[in-house]
């Protein structure tokens, strides 16, 4: 009796493909996205701190935001406008909380 291993190998390759596409690839994409977001938040926080030092008068919010947007563009940190707004708000909240302590 001769066993044809070709069909077993083809089945194993198919199983490996399914595992890669349903488990591993989404895991690595999520991890990369989270790392990129954390990196972007780090740089936004630094830019916000810098803008707060440069534009320390009242009513300079638009100038501060423009500074942060230009900083991100200069260093090729790509976020859409809504993400920039959220990241700026988070950074400002962190600065405010730190100042209150």
C-alpha atoms as a PDB file:
ATOM      1  CA  UNK A   1       0.000   0.000   0.000  1.00  0.00           C
ATOM      2  CA  UNK A   2       1.463   3.349  -1.105  1.00  0.00           C
ATOM      3  CA  UNK A   3       0.442   6.556   0.679  1.00  0.00           C
ATOM      4  CA  UNK A   4       0.373   9.709  -1.401  1.00  0.00           C
ATOM      5  CA  UNK A   5       1.963  12.388   0.802  1.00  0.00           C
ATOM      6  CA  UNK A   6       1.284  15.100  -1.733  1.00  0.00           C
ATOM      7  CA  UNK A   7      -2.296  15.550  -0.567  1.00  0.00           C
ATOM      8  CA  UNK A   8      -1.193  15.688   3.080  1.00  0.00           C
ATOM      9  CA  UNK A   9       1.426  18.337   2.275  1.00  0.00           C
ATOM     10  CA  UNK A  10      -1.090  20.397   0.278  1.00  0.00           C
ATOM     11  CA  UNK A  11      -3.546  20.197   3.187  1.00  0.00           C
ATOM     12  CA  UNK A  12      -0.847  21.305   5.659  1.00  0.00           C
ATOM     13  CA  UNK A  13       0.147  24.230   3.440  1.00  0.00           C
ATOM     14  CA  UNK A  14      -3.507  25.273   3.270  1.00  0.00           C
ATOM     15  CA  UNK A  15      -3.827  25.044   7.052  1.00  0.00           C
ATOM     16  CA  UNK A  16      -0.700  27.120   7.567  1.00  0.00           C
ATOM     17  CA  UNK A  17      -2.040  29.723   5.143  1.00  0.00           C
ATOM     18  CA  UNK A  18      -5.311  29.941   7.029  1.00  0.00           C
ATOM     19  CA  UNK A  19      -3.479  30.345  10.347  1.00  0.00           C
ATOM     20  CA  UNK A  20      -1.262  33.080   8.940  1.00  0.00           C
ATOM     21  CA  UNK A  21      -4.098  35.064   7.437  1.00  0.00           C
ATOM     22  CA  UNK A  22      -6.514  34.790  10.366  1.00  0.00           C
ATOM     23  CA  UNK A  23      -4.234  34.936  13.405  1.00  0.00           C
ATOM     24  CA  UNK A  24      -0.703  36.150  12.824  1.00  0.00           C
ATOM     25  CA  UNK A  25      -1.172  38.893  10.245  1.00  0.00           C
ATOM     26  CA  UNK A  26      -3.911  40.734  12.217  1.00  0.00           C
ATOM     27  CA  UNK A  27      -1.795  40.395  15.376  1.00  0.00           C
ATOM     28  CA  UNK A  28       1.250  42.020  13.764  1.00  0.00           C
ATOM     29  CA  UNK A  29      -0.854  44.739  12.113  1.00  0.00           C
ATOM     30  CA  UNK A  30      -2.454  45.654  15.440  1.00  0.00           C
ATOM     31  CA  UNK A  31       0.915  45.693  17.175  1.00  0.00           C
ATOM     32  CA  UNK A  32       2.464  47.905  14.499  1.00  0.00           C
ATOM     33  CA  UNK A  33      -0.504  50.272  14.542  1.00  0.00           C
ATOM     34  CA  UNK A  34      -0.326  50.573  18.339  1.00  0.00           C
ATOM     35  CA  UNK A  35       3.419  51.241  18.196  1.00  0.00           C
ATOM     36  CA  UNK A  36       2.923  53.915  15.532  1.00  0.00           C
ATOM     37  CA  UNK A  37       0.163  55.549  17.592  1.00  0.00           C
ATOM     38  CA  UNK A  38       2.323  55.544  20.744  1.00  0.00           C
ATOM     39  CA  UNK A  39       5.208  57.011  18.769  1.00  0.00           C
ATOM     40  CA  UNK A  40       2.953  59.724  17.331  1.00  0.00           C
ATOM     41  CA  UNK A  41       1.612  60.553  20.816  1.00  0.00           C
ATOM     42  CA  UNK A  42       5.160  60.899  22.111  1.00  0.00           C
ATOM     43  CA  UNK A  43       6.072  63.402  19.410  1.00  0.00           C
ATOM     44  CA  UNK A  44       2.786  65.295  19.724  1.00  0.00           C
ATOM     45  CA  UNK A  45       3.393  65.643  23.459  1.00  0.00           C
ATOM     46  CA  UNK A  46       6.871  67.064  22.840  1.00  0.00           C
ATOM     47  CA  UNK A  47       5.540  69.442  20.193  1.00  0.00           C
ATOM     48  CA  UNK A  48       2.747  70.618  22.505  1.00  0.00           C
ATOM     49  CA  UNK A  49       5.237  71.238  25.315  1.00  0.00           C
ATOM     50  CA  UNK A  50       7.415  73.201  22.933  1.00  0.00           C
ATOM     51  CA  UNK A  51       4.461  75.211  21.613  1.00  0.00           C
ATOM     52  CA  UNK A  52       3.409  76.020  25.183  1.00  0.00           C
ATOM     53  CA  UNK A  53       6.876  77.452  25.824  1.00  0.00           C
ATOM     54  CA  UNK A  54       7.049  79.418  22.580  1.00  0.00           C
ATOM     55  CA  UNK A  55       3.491  80.800  22.596  1.00  0.00           C
ATOM     56  CA  UNK A  56       2.892  81.497  26.271  1.00  0.00           C
ATOM     57  CA  UNK A  57       0.334  84.303  25.915  1.00  0.00           C
ATOM     58  CA  UNK A  58      -3.424  83.806  26.182  1.00  0.00           C
ATOM     59  CA  UNK A  59      -5.338  83.346  22.930  1.00  0.00           C
ATOM     60  CA  UNK A  60      -2.506  81.693  21.011  1.00  0.00           C
ATOM     61  CA  UNK A  61      -4.262  78.341  20.606  1.00  0.00           C
ATOM     62  CA  UNK A  62      -4.340  78.452  16.806  1.00  0.00           C
ATOM     63  CA  UNK A  63      -0.644  79.332  16.614  1.00  0.00           C
ATOM     64  CA  UNK A  64       0.163  76.454  18.976  1.00  0.00           C
ATOM     65  CA  UNK A  65      -1.886  74.010  16.923  1.00  0.00           C
ATOM     66  CA  UNK A  66      -0.244  75.188  13.709  1.00  0.00           C
ATOM     67  CA  UNK A  67       3.175  74.736  15.307  1.00  0.00           C
ATOM     68  CA  UNK A  68       2.332  71.153  16.300  1.00  0.00           C
ATOM     69  CA  UNK A  69       0.963  70.347  12.817  1.00  0.00           C
ATOM     70  CA  UNK A  70       4.075  71.771  11.145  1.00  0.00           C
ATOM     71  CA  UNK A  71       6.321  69.869  13.551  1.00  0.00           C
ATOM     72  CA  UNK A  72       4.567  66.587  12.722  1.00  0.00           C
ATOM     73  CA  UNK A  73       4.762  67.298   8.991  1.00  0.00           C
ATOM     74  CA  UNK A  74       8.457  68.208   9.238  1.00  0.00           C
ATOM     75  CA  UNK A  75       9.278  64.849  10.816  1.00  0.00           C
ATOM     76  CA  UNK A  76       6.906  62.905   8.547  1.00  0.00           C
ATOM     77  CA  UNK A  77       4.540  61.809  11.324  1.00  0.00           C
ATOM     78  CA  UNK A  78       1.315  61.175   9.473  1.00  0.00           C
ATOM     79  CA  UNK A  79      -1.984  61.565  11.289  1.00  0.00           C
ATOM     80  CA  UNK A  80      -5.327  62.709   9.976  1.00  0.00           C
ATOM     81  CA  UNK A  81      -6.734  65.994  11.362  1.00  0.00           C
ATOM     82  CA  UNK A  82      -9.042  64.262  13.839  1.00  0.00           C
ATOM     83  CA  UNK A  83      -6.193  62.156  15.193  1.00  0.00           C
ATOM     84  CA  UNK A  84      -4.050  65.284  15.571  1.00  0.00           C
ATOM     85  CA  UNK A  85      -6.829  66.997  17.523  1.00  0.00           C
ATOM     86  CA  UNK A  86      -7.255  63.994  19.831  1.00  0.00           C
ATOM     87  CA  UNK A  87      -3.505  63.665  20.384  1.00  0.00           C
ATOM     88  CA  UNK A  88      -3.153  67.389  21.127  1.00  0.00           C
ATOM     89  CA  UNK A  89      -6.026  67.274  23.608  1.00  0.00           C
ATOM     90  CA  UNK A  90      -4.478  64.256  25.328  1.00  0.00           C
ATOM     91  CA  UNK A  91      -1.106  65.987  25.559  1.00  0.00           C
ATOM     92  CA  UNK A  92      -2.639  69.212  26.885  1.00  0.00           C
ATOM     93  CA  UNK A  93      -4.612  67.248  29.483  1.00  0.00           C
ATOM     94  CA  UNK A  94      -1.432  65.489  30.612  1.00  0.00           C
ATOM     95  CA  UNK A  95       0.383  68.822  30.916  1.00  0.00           C
ATOM     96  CA  UNK A  96      -2.503  70.348  32.849  1.00  0.00           C
ATOM     97  CA  UNK A  97      -2.701  67.403  35.244  1.00  0.00           C
ATOM     98  CA  UNK A  98       1.055  67.484  35.791  1.00  0.00           C
ATOM     99  CA  UNK A  99       0.948  71.226  36.502  1.00  0.00           C
ATOM    100  CA  UNK A 100      -1.847  70.786  39.042  1.00  0.00           C
ATOM    101  CA  UNK A 101       0.118  68.242  41.067  1.00  0.00           C
END
